[in-house]
Amino acid sequence: MESILDKLYALNESDFYPYHMPGHKRNGDSIFSIDITEIDGFDNMHRAAGIIKDAQRRAAELYGAKESFFLVNGSTCGLLSAICASFQSGDKVLVARNCHKAVYHALELRGIKPVYIYPETDIDYDISVGITAKQVEEAINCEPKGMILTSPTYEGLISEVKEIAELLHRKDMILIVDEAHGAHFGFHPAFPVSAVTQGADLVIQSLHKTLPSMTQTALLHRCSDRVSKGMIQKYLGIFQTSSPSYVFMAYMDECIRILEKQSNELFQAFYEKLEHFYKSCENLKNIKVYQPRSVVITSCNEAESLQKPEKQYCSDPGKVVISANGLTGKELYNILRQRFHLQPEMCAGNYVLAIMTICDTDEGFTRLYEALEQLDKENEAISSEQEITVSIETSDQAVDRVKDTQKTLVSLLKERPIRKYLSREAEALEGEILELKEAAGMVSKEYIYLYPPGIPFIVPGEVISDKVVKALINLKKLGYELQGSADETGKSLTVVKE
C-alpha cells in the first residue's frame, strides 16, 4: 500500500506544475518538495476518504483503538476537541489537578465545572504521582459526567487507569486520558500498557514526544462509543488548522509504519540500553537516579521479548529523573547543559528530567552516565549566581538552598486554592493589575505556571493565598520563570477588581 510520503515524493518527481498553495511552489529547501495543500489524489484530513483514512486506520489497528485521528496541532488540539466533544457547559467533571494547561483552557472555553482530585506527592522527588481508583471513588458522589486525567505524568508516573475506567463506566461516565507522553506504551513488556487498552474512552498521544515523528504531530484515539465520532470531528474542525501539513501527516504515517514493522527489535534494544544505564547508576553515591517502579521482567531476550512479565512497570523507564546532593534542579540542569553539553528536557525543585527514546544512541546513554559519574566523584555544586565552577561546595548554604527550593515547590503542589468563580466567569469581570506581592487574598484573572510542565499553580477564578504569593516570589528569586500572566517578567498579575 502506498504511503503518504511515497505519494508526495512521486508527485515531486512528476511533471505536475503547482498552480496552488503553498507559495514556495515546491522549490527551495528539500522539505518544500513534499509540502502541498489538499489537491486531487491526496485526500482531505477533515473528511478523510483515501490515503489519510488508510493511514489513520493503520494507526487505530496498531494501538487497538476503535478509530484514530491525526492531529497536526499537537496534543493540545486533541485535548480541546476531546473535552468539548464529551461535556457540555455546566457539567461537573472530575479533573486531576496536575493536568496540562490545555485541559484548563478547554474547561474555560466550554464552561465546565471542574471537581479537582489532587495527586499525592512522591516523598523523594516531590513530584506528583498517579491518581488512584480510591481517590476517584471518594470524589464520585458529586455526580460528575466523567473524568480527565494525565497519565503518564511528565516524569512518567502512571495512574490506575484500568480501575478508574471500570469505576466510571459502572455509572456510564466518560474517561479522557491525556497520554501525551505515552505514545510508546504497549510495544514491549518493559514499558507500561497504554490507556487505549485499559478502558479509557478517549486517549490523546503526542507521537513527537517519545517516537520518531515531527514536532506537533499527535493522535486522538476513540476507544468506545460513549463519545460520538461526529462530535469529535466537529471540534477537530474547530481546533485544527484548515490547512493541515502534509509533511506532518506523512511523517506520522511513517512513524506508524516503523512501529508496525520494527517495534519488537527497536524496543528490545531500547530496553537493554535502559537496563544497563539504570544498573550502572546504582553505583553512584552523590547522584540519585529515580529507579522505575515495580520492575519484574522475567525474560527480555530477543526470542521472548513479547512474554508478559509477572508485573509491568507502573512508571515509564524512558523518563530519567536525576538529582544531585547539594544542587537544586536548575543548578544541575545548568551544569549538564553548559559544562557537558547535554540538554535535559526540564528541571524542577531538586531534579532534572531527561527523556530517552528508541532513537537514543549508545553514545547518548554513555555521555549521560559519564557526566553523572564525573559529578558524583566531584560532588560538584554551583550557586545560582555563579558561572560554571569546578569547586566542591559542601557548605550548609548549598544544603539550605536545595531544601528551600524543594519546600517552595512542595508548598505549591500541596496547595488547595479556593475557587470563587469559574475561569469563564472570572474572565468577564473587571480586572486590575497588581504587583505579585500585593495579590494575596485577591481573585486571579490569569494562570500562573512553570513551563514545562505547564501545570497551573493558579487558575483564573481562584483566590490567591499569601502562601502561594510567597512561594511564587521565592521561585523567581531561585531563577525560575513564571508564565501564564500578561506580564512576561512575572512581577505582576491581573486580578478581579473589588
Protein backbone atom coordinates (compact mmCIF):
# COMPACT_ATOMS: atom_id res chain seq x y z
CA MET A 1 0.00 0.00 0.00
CA GLU A 2 1.35 3.42 -0.98
CA SER A 3 2.28 5.65 1.94
CA ILE A 4 1.64 9.39 2.12
CA LEU A 5 5.38 10.08 1.94
CA ASP A 6 5.84 7.85 -1.13
CA LYS A 7 2.97 9.62 -2.88
CA LEU A 8 4.42 13.05 -2.06
CA TYR A 9 7.82 12.15 -3.47
CA ALA A 10 6.16 10.71 -6.57
CA LEU A 11 4.29 13.97 -7.09
CA ASN A 12 7.52 15.95 -6.82
CA GLU A 13 9.16 13.77 -9.48
CA SER A 14 6.18 14.16 -11.84
CA ASP A 15 5.57 16.98 -14.35
CA PHE A 16 2.54 18.38 -12.50
CA TYR A 17 3.04 22.13 -12.06
CA PRO A 18 1.66 23.64 -8.80
CA TYR A 19 -0.74 26.49 -9.53
CA HIS A 20 -1.83 26.31 -5.89
CA MET A 21 -0.66 26.91 -2.33
CA PRO A 22 1.84 26.89 -0.68
CA GLY A 23 3.68 29.87 -2.10
CA HIS A 24 7.11 28.20 -2.27
CA LYS A 25 5.76 26.08 -5.19
CA ARG A 26 7.87 23.10 -4.05
CA ASN A 27 11.09 24.99 -4.83
CA GLY A 28 13.90 25.85 -2.45
CA ASP A 29 14.73 23.72 0.59
CA SER A 30 14.33 19.97 0.18
CA ILE A 31 11.38 19.81 2.58
CA PHE A 32 9.46 22.18 0.29
CA SER A 33 9.40 19.50 -2.39
CA ILE A 34 6.82 17.47 -0.45
CA ASP A 35 4.89 20.31 1.19
CA ILE A 36 1.49 20.59 -0.51
CA THR A 37 -2.12 21.53 0.16
CA GLU A 38 -5.27 19.46 -0.45
CA ILE A 39 -5.07 18.67 -4.16
CA ASP A 40 -6.62 15.87 -6.22
CA GLY A 41 -5.47 12.44 -5.20
CA PHE A 42 -4.18 13.43 -1.75
CA ASP A 43 -7.35 13.21 0.37
CA ASN A 44 -8.52 15.73 3.00
CA MET A 45 -7.70 15.29 6.67
CA HIS A 46 -11.03 16.78 7.78
CA ARG A 47 -13.01 14.35 5.60
CA ALA A 48 -10.56 11.54 5.10
CA ALA A 49 -11.61 9.01 2.46
CA GLY A 50 -8.35 7.96 0.80
CA ILE A 51 -4.68 7.78 1.79
CA ILE A 52 -5.19 9.72 5.03
CA LYS A 53 -8.11 7.50 6.01
CA ASP A 54 -5.94 4.42 5.36
CA ALA A 55 -3.10 5.88 7.43
CA GLN A 56 -5.43 6.67 10.35
CA ARG A 57 -6.90 3.17 10.14
CA ARG A 58 -3.40 1.66 10.42
CA ALA A 59 -2.77 3.81 13.50
CA ALA A 60 -6.01 2.58 15.10
CA GLU A 61 -5.14 -1.05 14.37
CA LEU A 62 -1.64 -0.62 15.76
CA TYR A 63 -2.83 0.85 19.06
CA GLY A 64 -6.05 -1.13 19.36
CA ALA A 65 -8.42 1.84 19.12
CA LYS A 66 -11.87 1.94 17.58
CA GLU A 67 -10.57 4.73 15.34
CA SER A 68 -7.74 7.24 15.39
CA PHE A 69 -7.44 10.81 14.15
CA PHE A 70 -4.27 12.59 13.01
CA LEU A 71 -3.51 15.78 14.96
CA VAL A 72 -1.30 18.37 13.27
CA ASN A 73 -1.73 20.92 16.07
CA GLY A 74 -0.28 18.64 18.73
CA SER A 75 -1.97 17.00 21.70
CA THR A 76 -3.28 20.44 22.68
CA CYS A 77 -5.92 20.46 19.93
CA GLY A 78 -6.73 16.82 20.75
CA LEU A 79 -7.43 17.67 24.39
CA LEU A 80 -9.51 20.71 23.46
CA SER A 81 -11.54 18.65 20.97
CA ALA A 82 -11.98 15.62 23.24
CA ILE A 83 -13.18 17.67 26.21
CA CYS A 84 -15.52 19.90 24.22
CA ALA A 85 -16.96 16.87 22.40
CA SER A 86 -17.56 14.95 25.62
CA PHE A 87 -19.02 17.52 28.02
CA GLN A 88 -21.39 20.46 27.96
CA SER A 89 -21.48 23.82 29.67
CA GLY A 90 -22.30 23.45 33.35
CA ASP A 91 -21.28 19.78 33.57
CA LYS A 92 -19.34 18.69 36.63
CA VAL A 93 -16.20 16.79 35.65
CA LEU A 94 -13.52 15.19 37.83
CA VAL A 95 -10.15 16.69 36.86
CA ALA A 96 -6.70 15.66 38.06
CA ARG A 97 -5.17 18.90 39.29
CA ASN A 98 -1.83 18.06 37.62
CA CYS A 99 -3.32 18.28 34.12
CA HIS A 100 -1.68 20.34 31.36
CA LYS A 101 -2.85 23.92 30.80
CA ALA A 102 -4.68 22.83 27.63
CA VAL A 103 -7.17 20.95 29.81
CA TYR A 104 -7.85 24.11 31.82
CA HIS A 105 -8.31 26.08 28.61
CA ALA A 106 -10.92 23.57 27.44
CA LEU A 107 -12.74 23.78 30.77
CA GLU A 108 -12.83 27.56 30.43
CA LEU A 109 -13.99 27.53 26.81
CA ARG A 110 -16.77 25.02 27.50
CA GLY A 111 -17.87 26.42 30.87
CA ILE A 112 -17.27 23.10 32.65
CA LYS A 113 -17.28 22.91 36.45
CA PRO A 114 -14.12 21.04 37.50
CA VAL A 115 -14.01 18.95 40.66
CA TYR A 116 -10.31 18.60 41.34
CA ILE A 117 -8.56 15.47 42.52
CA TYR A 118 -5.10 16.22 43.88
CA PRO A 119 -2.43 13.57 43.30
CA GLU A 120 -0.19 12.53 46.16
CA THR A 121 3.42 13.72 46.21
CA ASP A 122 6.43 11.41 45.93
CA ILE A 123 8.44 11.86 49.13
CA ASP A 124 11.86 11.53 47.47
CA TYR A 125 11.49 13.84 44.47
CA ASP A 126 8.47 15.96 45.41
CA ILE A 127 6.70 15.12 42.17
CA SER A 128 3.04 14.30 41.63
CA VAL A 129 2.29 10.59 41.35
CA GLY A 130 -0.63 8.98 39.57
CA ILE A 131 -4.30 9.19 40.55
CA THR A 132 -5.72 6.12 42.30
CA ALA A 133 -9.12 4.50 41.93
CA LYS A 134 -9.69 5.08 45.64
CA GLN A 135 -9.36 8.84 45.14
CA VAL A 136 -11.89 8.71 42.29
CA GLU A 137 -14.30 6.59 44.30
CA GLU A 138 -14.20 9.13 47.13
CA ALA A 139 -14.94 12.00 44.73
CA ILE A 140 -17.56 10.39 42.52
CA ASN A 141 -20.51 11.23 44.78
CA CYS A 142 -20.71 14.71 43.23
CA GLU A 143 -22.34 13.02 40.20
CA PRO A 144 -19.88 14.13 37.53
CA LYS A 145 -20.27 13.41 33.83
CA GLY A 146 -16.79 11.95 33.62
CA MET A 147 -13.11 12.47 34.34
CA ILE A 148 -9.98 13.90 32.76
CA LEU A 149 -6.58 12.73 33.93
CA THR A 150 -2.96 12.86 32.83
CA SER A 151 -1.18 9.52 32.69
CA PRO A 152 1.76 9.31 32.50
CA THR A 153 2.84 12.47 34.25
CA TYR A 154 5.71 14.47 32.77
CA GLU A 155 8.05 12.39 34.94
CA GLY A 156 6.49 9.12 33.74
CA LEU A 157 4.28 8.08 36.67
CA ILE A 158 1.11 6.13 35.84
CA SER A 159 -2.43 6.38 37.21
CA GLU A 160 -4.69 3.39 37.89
CA VAL A 161 -6.39 3.85 34.53
CA LYS A 162 -8.00 0.42 34.25
CA GLU A 163 -9.54 0.53 37.72
CA ILE A 164 -10.67 4.15 37.28
CA ALA A 165 -12.26 3.32 33.91
CA GLU A 166 -14.18 0.40 35.39
CA LEU A 167 -15.38 2.58 38.25
CA LEU A 168 -16.58 5.36 35.95
CA HIS A 169 -18.17 3.06 33.39
CA ARG A 170 -20.42 1.49 36.01
CA LYS A 171 -22.16 4.88 36.04
CA ASP A 172 -21.78 5.40 32.28
CA MET A 173 -19.26 8.20 32.75
CA ILE A 174 -16.58 9.19 30.24
CA LEU A 175 -12.84 8.86 30.87
CA ILE A 176 -10.43 11.04 28.87
CA VAL A 177 -6.73 10.32 29.32
CA ASP A 178 -4.01 12.75 28.35
CA GLU A 179 -1.36 10.19 27.40
CA ALA A 180 0.75 12.73 25.51
CA HIS A 181 3.94 11.28 26.97
CA GLY A 182 2.92 7.65 26.43
CA ALA A 183 2.66 7.11 22.67
CA HIS A 184 5.38 4.45 23.04
CA PHE A 185 3.45 2.42 25.64
CA GLY A 186 2.36 -1.13 24.92
CA PHE A 187 5.08 -2.13 22.46
CA HIS A 188 7.23 -4.06 24.93
CA PRO A 189 6.56 -5.62 28.35
CA ALA A 190 9.25 -3.43 29.93
CA PHE A 191 7.00 -0.40 29.41
CA PRO A 192 3.56 0.45 30.79
CA VAL A 193 0.47 -0.56 28.85
CA SER A 194 -1.47 2.17 27.04
CA ALA A 195 -4.69 3.71 28.32
CA VAL A 196 -6.12 2.77 24.90
CA THR A 197 -6.28 -0.86 26.06
CA GLN A 198 -7.13 -0.05 29.70
CA GLY A 199 -10.70 1.15 29.19
CA ALA A 200 -10.29 4.87 28.53
CA ASP A 201 -12.88 6.29 26.14
CA LEU A 202 -10.66 8.92 24.53
CA VAL A 203 -6.86 8.93 24.59
CA ILE A 204 -4.59 11.66 23.29
CA GLN A 205 -0.94 10.89 22.47
CA SER A 206 1.94 13.02 21.19
CA LEU A 207 3.91 10.96 18.70
CA HIS A 208 6.65 13.57 18.63
CA LYS A 209 7.40 13.37 22.38
CA THR A 210 8.70 9.81 22.53
CA LEU A 211 8.66 8.39 18.98
CA PRO A 212 10.32 9.21 15.62
CA SER A 213 7.88 11.84 14.39
CA MET A 214 7.94 15.58 13.81
CA THR A 215 7.18 18.18 16.46
CA GLN A 216 3.45 18.97 16.62
CA THR A 217 2.30 15.50 15.48
CA ALA A 218 -0.15 13.59 17.68
CA LEU A 219 -3.09 11.18 17.72
CA LEU A 220 -6.57 11.20 19.20
CA HIS A 221 -7.90 7.66 19.77
CA ARG A 222 -11.62 6.97 20.13
CA CYS A 223 -11.88 3.73 22.07
CA SER A 224 -15.62 3.46 22.75
CA ASP A 225 -18.98 4.79 21.58
CA ARG A 226 -19.55 6.98 24.67
CA VAL A 227 -18.38 9.95 22.59
CA SER A 228 -19.63 10.14 19.01
CA LYS A 229 -17.33 10.33 16.04
CA GLY A 230 -19.37 13.21 14.69
CA MET A 231 -18.79 15.37 17.78
CA ILE A 232 -15.07 14.68 17.71
CA GLN A 233 -14.88 15.61 14.04
CA LYS A 234 -16.86 18.78 14.71
CA TYR A 235 -14.40 20.04 17.31
CA LEU A 236 -11.33 18.85 15.44
CA GLY A 237 -12.65 21.01 12.61
CA ILE A 238 -12.71 23.95 15.04
CA PHE A 239 -9.38 23.47 16.77
CA GLN A 240 -7.27 22.04 13.94
CA THR A 241 -5.98 24.18 11.10
CA SER A 242 -7.95 24.06 7.86
CA SER A 243 -4.58 23.83 6.07
CA PRO A 244 -3.07 20.68 7.62
CA SER A 245 0.58 19.97 6.92
CA TYR A 246 1.09 17.03 4.58
CA VAL A 247 4.68 16.85 5.80
CA PHE A 248 3.41 16.26 9.33
CA MET A 249 0.87 13.66 8.21
CA ALA A 250 3.45 11.89 6.06
CA TYR A 251 5.84 11.53 8.96
CA MET A 252 3.07 10.38 11.28
CA ASP A 253 2.30 7.71 8.71
CA GLU A 254 6.00 6.78 8.54
CA CYS A 255 6.17 6.55 12.34
CA ILE A 256 3.22 4.13 12.36
CA ARG A 257 4.83 2.05 9.60
CA ILE A 258 8.10 1.86 11.56
CA LEU A 259 6.24 0.63 14.64
CA GLU A 260 4.30 -1.92 12.57
CA LYS A 261 7.49 -3.43 11.16
CA GLN A 262 10.22 -2.85 13.74
CA SER A 263 8.72 -2.20 17.17
CA ASN A 264 9.89 -5.52 18.65
CA GLU A 265 13.55 -5.06 17.80
CA LEU A 266 13.60 -1.30 18.44
CA PHE A 267 12.05 -1.54 21.89
CA GLN A 268 14.09 -4.58 22.85
CA ALA A 269 17.30 -2.69 22.06
CA PHE A 270 15.97 0.35 23.92
CA TYR A 271 15.10 -1.72 26.97
CA GLU A 272 18.58 -3.23 27.09
CA LYS A 273 20.20 0.23 26.97
CA LEU A 274 17.92 1.46 29.75
CA GLU A 275 18.54 -1.60 31.89
CA HIS A 276 22.32 -1.17 31.58
CA PHE A 277 22.06 2.55 32.34
CA TYR A 278 19.93 2.11 35.48
CA LYS A 279 22.15 -0.69 36.80
CA SER A 280 25.23 1.48 36.27
CA CYS A 281 23.61 4.37 38.14
CA GLU A 282 23.10 2.19 41.22
CA ASN A 283 26.81 2.66 41.92
CA LEU A 284 26.53 6.44 42.18
CA LYS A 285 26.72 7.86 45.71
CA ASN A 286 26.04 11.58 45.40
CA ILE A 287 23.83 11.40 42.33
CA LYS A 288 20.41 9.78 42.61
CA VAL A 289 18.56 8.39 39.61
CA TYR A 290 14.89 7.58 40.10
CA GLN A 291 14.53 3.84 39.54
CA PRO A 292 11.43 2.74 37.56
CA ARG A 293 8.73 1.36 39.84
CA SER A 294 7.52 -2.24 40.16
CA VAL A 295 10.01 -3.82 37.80
CA VAL A 296 9.68 -7.57 37.41
CA ILE A 297 10.90 -8.73 34.00
CA THR A 298 11.02 -12.49 33.70
CA SER A 299 12.82 -12.52 30.37
CA CYS A 300 13.56 -9.99 27.69
CA ASN A 301 15.83 -11.73 25.22
CA GLU A 302 15.03 -11.48 21.53
CA ALA A 303 13.07 -14.69 21.37
CA GLU A 304 10.92 -13.89 24.40
CA SER A 305 10.57 -10.12 24.14
CA LEU A 306 6.77 -10.35 24.00
CA GLN A 307 6.45 -12.62 27.02
CA LYS A 308 4.19 -10.96 29.57
CA PRO A 309 6.06 -10.34 32.84
CA GLU A 310 4.58 -11.00 36.27
CA LYS A 311 4.34 -7.26 36.79
CA GLN A 312 4.61 -4.31 34.44
CA TYR A 313 6.33 -1.02 35.09
CA CYS A 314 3.97 1.47 36.71
CA SER A 315 6.33 4.23 35.67
CA ASP A 316 8.00 4.95 32.35
CA PRO A 317 11.68 3.89 32.39
CA GLY A 318 12.31 6.23 29.46
CA LYS A 319 11.82 9.22 31.77
CA VAL A 320 15.12 9.56 33.62
CA VAL A 321 14.74 11.67 36.76
CA ILE A 322 18.06 12.75 38.31
CA SER A 323 19.01 14.67 41.46
CA ALA A 324 22.41 15.58 42.95
CA ASN A 325 23.44 16.25 46.53
CA GLY A 326 23.83 19.96 47.21
CA LEU A 327 22.28 21.09 43.91
CA THR A 328 18.87 22.41 43.00
CA GLY A 329 17.31 21.05 39.85
CA LYS A 330 18.08 24.26 37.99
CA GLU A 331 21.74 24.17 39.04
CA LEU A 332 22.14 20.55 37.93
CA TYR A 333 20.39 21.43 34.67
CA ASN A 334 22.85 24.29 34.05
CA ILE A 335 25.88 22.09 34.76
CA LEU A 336 24.73 19.32 32.42
CA ARG A 337 23.97 21.82 29.68
CA GLN A 338 26.89 24.25 29.96
CA ARG A 339 29.70 22.00 31.05
CA PHE A 340 28.81 18.68 29.43
CA HIS A 341 26.71 19.99 26.51
CA LEU A 342 23.81 17.76 27.50
CA GLN A 343 20.37 19.35 27.13
CA PRO A 344 17.83 17.96 29.63
CA GLU A 345 14.10 18.20 28.94
CA MET A 346 13.32 20.23 32.07
CA CYS A 347 14.28 20.99 35.66
CA ALA A 348 12.20 21.32 38.80
CA GLY A 349 12.84 21.74 42.52
CA ASN A 350 15.57 19.20 43.16
CA TYR A 351 15.80 17.22 39.93
CA VAL A 352 16.22 17.30 36.17
CA LEU A 353 14.37 15.19 33.65
CA ALA A 354 15.99 13.51 30.65
CA ILE A 355 13.71 11.86 28.07
CA MET A 356 15.16 8.75 26.43
CA THR A 357 13.54 7.07 23.42
CA ILE A 358 14.09 4.29 20.88
CA CYS A 359 16.07 6.84 18.85
CA ASP A 360 18.71 7.44 21.52
CA THR A 361 22.13 6.12 20.58
CA ASP A 362 24.69 4.24 22.67
CA GLU A 363 26.67 7.49 22.68
CA GLY A 364 23.72 9.33 24.20
CA PHE A 365 23.44 6.89 27.09
CA THR A 366 27.21 6.79 27.59
CA ARG A 367 27.64 10.57 27.67
CA LEU A 368 24.87 11.00 30.24
CA TYR A 369 26.24 8.30 32.51
CA GLU A 370 29.82 9.58 32.24
CA ALA A 371 28.69 13.09 33.12
CA LEU A 372 26.80 11.80 36.17
CA GLU A 373 29.76 9.65 37.15
CA GLN A 374 32.09 12.65 36.95
CA LEU A 375 29.75 14.82 39.01
CA ASP A 376 29.35 12.01 41.50
CA LYS A 377 33.11 11.86 42.05
CA GLU A 378 33.39 15.59 42.48
CA ASN A 379 30.13 16.05 44.40
CA GLU A 380 30.11 19.30 42.48
CA ALA A 381 27.74 22.14 43.29
CA ILE A 382 27.00 25.54 41.87
CA SER A 383 25.30 28.61 43.26
CA SER A 384 22.55 30.22 41.23
CA GLU A 385 24.59 33.46 40.96
CA GLN A 386 27.83 31.91 39.67
CA GLU A 387 29.09 30.75 36.33
CA ILE A 388 30.12 27.11 35.96
CA THR A 389 32.72 26.15 38.56
CA VAL A 390 34.69 23.02 39.34
CA SER A 391 34.96 23.73 43.05
CA ILE A 392 33.32 21.40 45.53
CA GLU A 393 30.69 23.13 47.65
CA THR A 394 29.89 21.37 50.90
CA SER A 395 28.59 24.31 52.91
CA ASP A 396 25.32 24.40 54.78
CA GLN A 397 24.32 27.17 52.37
CA ALA A 398 24.12 24.69 49.48
CA VAL A 399 22.01 22.28 51.51
CA ASP A 400 19.71 25.09 52.64
CA ARG A 401 19.31 26.33 49.07
CA VAL A 402 18.18 22.91 47.86
CA LYS A 403 15.82 22.48 50.79
CA ASP A 404 14.39 25.94 50.14
CA THR A 405 13.66 25.06 46.52
CA GLN A 406 12.07 21.74 47.47
CA LYS A 407 9.97 23.35 50.18
CA THR A 408 8.75 26.02 47.76
CA LEU A 409 7.66 23.55 45.07
CA VAL A 410 6.05 21.20 47.60
CA SER A 411 4.05 24.06 49.10
CA LEU A 412 2.64 24.80 45.65
CA LEU A 413 1.94 21.13 44.88
CA LYS A 414 0.05 20.73 48.14
CA GLU A 415 -1.92 23.98 47.87
CA ARG A 416 -5.72 23.63 47.59
CA PRO A 417 -6.88 27.03 46.23
CA ILE A 418 -10.40 28.26 46.96
CA ARG A 419 -12.42 28.78 43.76
CA LYS A 420 -14.70 31.81 43.84
CA TYR A 421 -15.58 31.84 40.13
CA LEU A 422 -15.28 29.55 37.14
CA SER A 423 -12.49 30.63 34.79
CA ARG A 424 -15.02 31.83 32.22
CA GLU A 425 -16.81 33.91 34.87
CA ALA A 426 -13.56 35.49 36.08
CA GLU A 427 -12.67 36.44 32.52
CA ALA A 428 -15.85 38.54 32.22
CA LEU A 429 -15.17 40.54 35.40
CA GLU A 430 -13.32 43.84 35.56
CA GLY A 431 -9.66 43.46 36.40
CA GLU A 432 -6.75 45.40 37.78
CA ILE A 433 -3.02 44.82 37.66
CA LEU A 434 -1.21 44.37 40.96
CA GLU A 435 2.35 43.53 41.87
CA LEU A 436 2.56 39.86 42.77
CA LYS A 437 3.48 40.68 46.37
CA GLU A 438 0.21 42.64 46.71
CA ALA A 439 -2.03 39.94 45.19
CA ALA A 440 -2.62 37.85 48.33
CA GLY A 441 -6.31 37.46 49.06
CA MET A 442 -7.36 38.59 45.57
CA VAL A 443 -9.04 36.50 42.87
CA SER A 444 -6.83 35.81 39.86
CA LYS A 445 -7.89 36.54 36.28
CA GLU A 446 -4.78 34.79 34.92
CA TYR A 447 -2.92 31.49 35.05
CA ILE A 448 0.47 31.08 36.70
CA TYR A 449 2.66 28.07 35.88
CA LEU A 450 6.17 26.92 35.08
CA TYR A 451 6.69 25.67 31.53
CA PRO A 452 7.47 22.88 31.21
CA PRO A 453 5.41 21.12 32.52
CA GLY A 454 2.61 23.69 32.13
CA ILE A 455 0.56 22.66 35.19
CA PRO A 456 -1.13 25.75 36.68
CA PHE A 457 -0.41 26.76 40.26
CA ILE A 458 -3.16 29.37 40.00
CA VAL A 459 -6.25 29.23 37.76
CA PRO A 460 -8.49 32.21 36.89
CA GLY A 461 -11.30 32.50 39.44
CA GLU A 462 -9.22 31.16 42.34
CA VAL A 463 -8.28 33.08 45.48
CA ILE A 464 -4.53 33.70 45.67
CA SER A 465 -3.32 32.78 49.13
CA ASP A 466 -0.46 34.52 50.93
CA LYS A 467 1.32 31.15 50.95
CA VAL A 468 1.17 30.93 47.15
CA VAL A 469 2.36 34.51 46.70
CA LYS A 470 5.41 33.88 48.90
CA ALA A 471 6.18 30.63 47.07
CA LEU A 472 5.94 32.24 43.62
CA ILE A 473 8.15 35.16 44.66
CA ASN A 474 10.68 32.70 46.05
CA LEU A 475 10.65 30.73 42.79
CA LYS A 476 11.56 33.89 40.92
CA LYS A 477 14.43 34.55 43.34
CA LEU A 478 15.64 30.99 42.68
CA GLY A 479 15.80 31.72 38.96
CA TYR A 480 12.57 30.14 37.69
CA GLU A 481 10.46 31.92 35.06
CA LEU A 482 6.78 32.20 35.87
CA GLN A 483 4.50 32.05 32.84
CA GLY A 484 0.82 32.48 32.06
CA SER A 485 0.31 36.12 33.00
CA ALA A 486 0.38 39.05 30.58
CA ASP A 487 3.43 40.40 32.43
CA GLU A 488 6.32 38.45 30.92
CA THR A 489 8.55 39.36 33.88
CA GLY A 490 6.17 37.58 36.25
CA LYS A 491 6.27 40.54 38.67
CA SER A 492 2.61 41.46 38.34
CA LEU A 493 -0.73 39.71 37.96
CA THR A 494 -4.18 40.73 36.76
CA VAL A 495 -6.79 40.12 39.46
CA VAL A 496 -10.53 40.69 39.79
CA LYS A 497 -11.12 44.29 40.80
CA GLU A 498 -13.01 44.64 44.05
